[in-house]
C-alpha atoms as a PDB file:
ATOM      1  CA  MET A   1      -8.265   4.156  -3.286  1.00  0.00           C
ATOM      2  CA  GLU A   2      -9.871   6.624  -0.832  1.00  0.00           C
ATOM      3  CA  GLU A   3     -10.689   3.206   0.981  1.00  0.00           C
ATOM      4  CA  ALA A   4      -7.347   2.528   1.323  1.00  0.00           C
ATOM      5  CA  CYS A   5      -6.677   5.608   2.180  1.00  0.00           C
ATOM      6  CA  GLU A   6      -9.047   6.087   4.952  1.00  0.00           C
ATOM      7  CA  CYS A   7      -7.868   2.308   6.314  1.00  0.00           C
ATOM      8  CA  LEU A   8      -4.432   3.845   6.925  1.00  0.00           C
ATOM      9  CA  LYS A   9      -5.702   6.668   9.893  1.00  0.00           C
ATOM     10  CA  ALA A  10      -5.831   4.323  12.382  1.00  0.00           C
ATOM     11  CA  PRO A  11      -1.798   3.191  12.464  1.00  0.00           C
ATOM     12  CA  GLU A  12      -1.259   6.699  12.173  1.00  0.00           C
ATOM     13  CA  SER A  13      -2.927   7.789  14.787  1.00  0.00           C
ATOM     14  CA  ALA A  14      -2.036   5.014  16.659  1.00  0.00           C
ATOM     15  CA  LEU A  15       1.396   5.757  16.287  1.00  0.00           C
ATOM     16  CA  ASN A  16       0.505   9.347  19.162  1.00  0.00           C
ATOM     17  CA  GLY A  17       3.723  10.748  17.949  1.00  0.00           C
ATOM     18  CA  ASN A  18       6.130   8.232  18.513  1.00  0.00           C
ATOM     19  CA  LYS A  19       8.712   6.728  16.390  1.00  0.00           C
ATOM     20  CA  LEU A  20       7.552   3.033  17.326  1.00  0.00           C
ATOM     21  CA  TYR A  21       4.146   1.758  18.245  1.00  0.00           C
ATOM     22  CA  GLY A  22       5.588   0.335  21.482  1.00  0.00           C
ATOM     23  CA  GLY A  23       7.066   3.616  22.289  1.00  0.00           C
ATOM     24  CA  HIS A  24      11.207   3.880  21.649  1.00  0.00           C
ATOM     25  CA  THR A  25      11.346  -0.310  21.550  1.00  0.00           C
ATOM     26  CA  ILE A  26      10.073  -2.271  18.771  1.00  0.00           C
ATOM     27  CA  GLY A  27       6.865  -4.009  20.007  1.00  0.00           C
ATOM     28  CA  LEU A  28       4.203  -6.897  19.347  1.00  0.00           C
ATOM     29  CA  VAL A  29       2.505  -3.853  17.287  1.00  0.00           C
ATOM     30  CA  ASP A  30       5.084  -2.954  15.754  1.00  0.00           C
ATOM     31  CA  ILE A  31       6.018  -6.969  14.198  1.00  0.00           C
ATOM     32  CA  ALA A  32       2.691  -7.364  13.278  1.00  0.00           C
ATOM     33  CA  ALA A  33       2.056  -4.255  11.775  1.00  0.00           C
ATOM     34  CA  ASN A  34       4.790  -4.492   8.987  1.00  0.00           C
ATOM     35  CA  PHE A  35       3.508  -5.399   6.621  1.00  0.00           C
ATOM     36  CA  THR A  36       2.565  -1.714   5.925  1.00  0.00           C
ATOM     37  CA  GLY A  37       6.306  -0.958   6.010  1.00  0.00           C
ATOM     38  CA  PHE A  38       6.789  -4.255   3.177  1.00  0.00           C
ATOM     39  CA  TRP A  39       3.614  -4.678   0.880  1.00  0.00           C
ATOM     40  CA  LEU A  40       2.370  -1.335   0.610  1.00  0.00           C
ATOM     41  CA  SER A  41       5.610   0.141  -1.040  1.00  0.00           C
ATOM     42  CA  ILE A  42       5.270  -3.178  -3.107  1.00  0.00           C
ATOM     43  CA  VAL A  43       2.135  -2.061  -4.095  1.00  0.00           C
ATOM     44  CA  GLN A  44       2.471   1.098  -4.521  1.00  0.00           C
ATOM     45  CA  GLU A  45       5.061   0.601  -6.995  1.00  0.00           C
ATOM     46  CA  ALA A  46       3.487  -2.187  -8.910  1.00  0.00           C
ATOM     47  CA  THR A  47       0.444  -0.389 -10.101  1.00  0.00           C
ATOM     48  CA  GLY A  48       1.799   3.243  -9.808  1.00  0.00           C
ATOM     49  CA  ARG A  49      -0.376   4.822  -7.339  1.00  0.00           C
ATOM     50  CA  GLU A  50       0.669   6.158  -4.015  1.00  0.00           C
ATOM     51  CA  LEU A  51      -1.119   5.468  -0.708  1.00  0.00           C
ATOM     52  CA  LEU A  52       1.358   6.121   2.279  1.00  0.00           C
ATOM     53  CA  SER A  53       3.447   9.319   1.628  1.00  0.00           C
ATOM     54  CA  ALA A  54       4.998  11.961   3.846  1.00  0.00           C
ATOM     55  CA  HIS A  55       2.333  14.354   3.365  1.00  0.00           C
ATOM     56  CA  LYS A  56      -0.531  12.262   3.826  1.00  0.00           C
ATOM     57  CA  PHE A  57       0.295  10.435   6.875  1.00  0.00           C
ATOM     58  CA  PRO A  58       3.647  11.479   8.201  1.00  0.00           C
ATOM     59  CA  LEU A  59       3.442   9.653  11.441  1.00  0.00           C
ATOM     60  CA  LEU A  60       3.158   6.144   9.233  1.00  0.00           C
ATOM     61  CA  PHE A  61       5.797   7.171   6.151  1.00  0.00           C
ATOM     62  CA  ASN A  62       8.283   7.762   9.127  1.00  0.00           C
ATOM     63  CA  TRP A  63       7.248   4.278  11.079  1.00  0.00           C
ATOM     64  CA  SER A  64       7.114   2.290   7.859  1.00  0.00           C
ATOM     65  CA  HIS A  65      10.948   4.040   6.811  1.00  0.00           C
ATOM     66  CA  CYS A  66      12.810   3.371  10.176  1.00  0.00           C
ATOM     67  CA  GLY A  67      15.736   1.823  10.150  1.00  0.00           C
ATOM     68  CA  ILE A  68      14.889  -1.040  13.174  1.00  0.00           C
ATOM     69  CA  VAL A  69      11.054  -1.330  11.084  1.00  0.00           C
ATOM     70  CA  GLN A  70      13.586  -1.483   8.026  1.00  0.00           C
ATOM     71  CA  GLU A  71      15.633  -4.649   9.031  1.00  0.00           C
ATOM     72  CA  CYS A  72      12.676  -6.948   9.549  1.00  0.00           C
ATOM     73  CA  LEU A  73      11.678  -6.858   6.289  1.00  0.00           C
ATOM     74  CA  LEU A  74      12.835  -8.657   3.201  1.00  0.00           C
ATOM     75  CA  PRO A  75      14.601  -6.930   0.443  1.00  0.00           C
ATOM     76  CA  GLN A  76      12.068  -5.653  -1.455  1.00  0.00           C
ATOM     77  CA  ARG A  77      12.820  -6.628  -5.171  1.00  0.00           C
ATOM     78  CA  GLN A  78      11.851 -10.481  -3.335  1.00  0.00           C
ATOM     79  CA  GLY A  79       8.772  -9.400  -2.281  1.00  0.00           C
ATOM     80  CA  ILE A  80       7.509  -7.767  -5.886  1.00  0.00           C
ATOM     81  CA  GLY A  81       8.824 -11.273  -7.385  1.00  0.00           C
ATOM     82  CA  HIS A  82       6.549 -13.241  -5.324  1.00  0.00           C
ATOM     83  CA  LEU A  83       3.685 -10.712  -5.409  1.00  0.00           C
ATOM     84  CA  GLN A  84       4.275 -10.873  -9.413  1.00  0.00           C
ATOM     85  CA  SER A  85       4.061 -14.704  -9.525  1.00  0.00           C
ATOM     86  CA  SER A  86       1.558 -15.180  -7.285  1.00  0.00           C
ATOM     87  CA  CYS A  87      -0.834 -12.751  -9.104  1.00  0.00           C
ATOM     88  CA  CYS A  88       0.346 -14.609 -12.667  1.00  0.00           C
ATOM     89  CA  SER A  89       0.047 -18.277 -11.185  1.00  0.00           C
ATOM     90  CA  THR A  90      -3.397 -17.317 -10.089  1.00  0.00           C
ATOM     91  CA  LEU A  91      -4.891 -15.250 -12.579  1.00  0.00           C
ATOM     92  CA  ASN A  92      -3.064 -17.202 -15.136  1.00  0.00           C
ATOM     93  CA  LYS A  93      -1.625 -14.399 -16.748  1.00  0.00           C
ATOM     94  CA  GLN A  94       1.354 -11.936 -17.998  1.00  0.00           C
ATOM     95  CA  PRO A  95       3.293 -10.301 -14.805  1.00  0.00           C
ATOM     96  CA  MET A  96       1.237  -6.998 -14.114  1.00  0.00           C
ATOM     97  CA  CYS A  97       4.230  -4.996 -14.484  1.00  0.00           C
ATOM     98  CA  PRO A  98       7.518  -6.908 -15.966  1.00  0.00           C
ATOM     99  CA  SER A  99       9.510  -3.611 -16.263  1.00  0.00           C
ATOM    100  CA  ILE A 100      10.117  -3.762 -12.401  1.00  0.00           C
ATOM    101  CA  LEU A 101      11.439  -6.497 -12.050  1.00  0.00           C
ATOM    102  CA  ASN A 102      14.257  -5.852 -14.506  1.00  0.00           C
ATOM    103  CA  LYS A 103      15.016  -2.390 -12.407  1.00  0.00           C
ATOM    104  CA  GLN A 104      17.906  -2.559 -10.644  1.00  0.00           C
END
């Protein structure tokens, strides 16, 4: 957990006070880094652990919730389903958190 938080310090500082990595317009880094806004929130919900919060990483948190970034992401439920099916088929086990898929 500490190592994951340590890894989030670099993208947080790279925002350098800007709303987007490209400054005022979305750029290549914003597109490449959108996994943070998508997969990290899914992993947080699936595990019940908070890595990215407005308190710990305010710039990165705001970036991940930016409307422009959100428009580039799949619906979160679709990502959770993909994550669970991938893990289940890889590990040949039951879903990690079946209750997540039942949330509306």
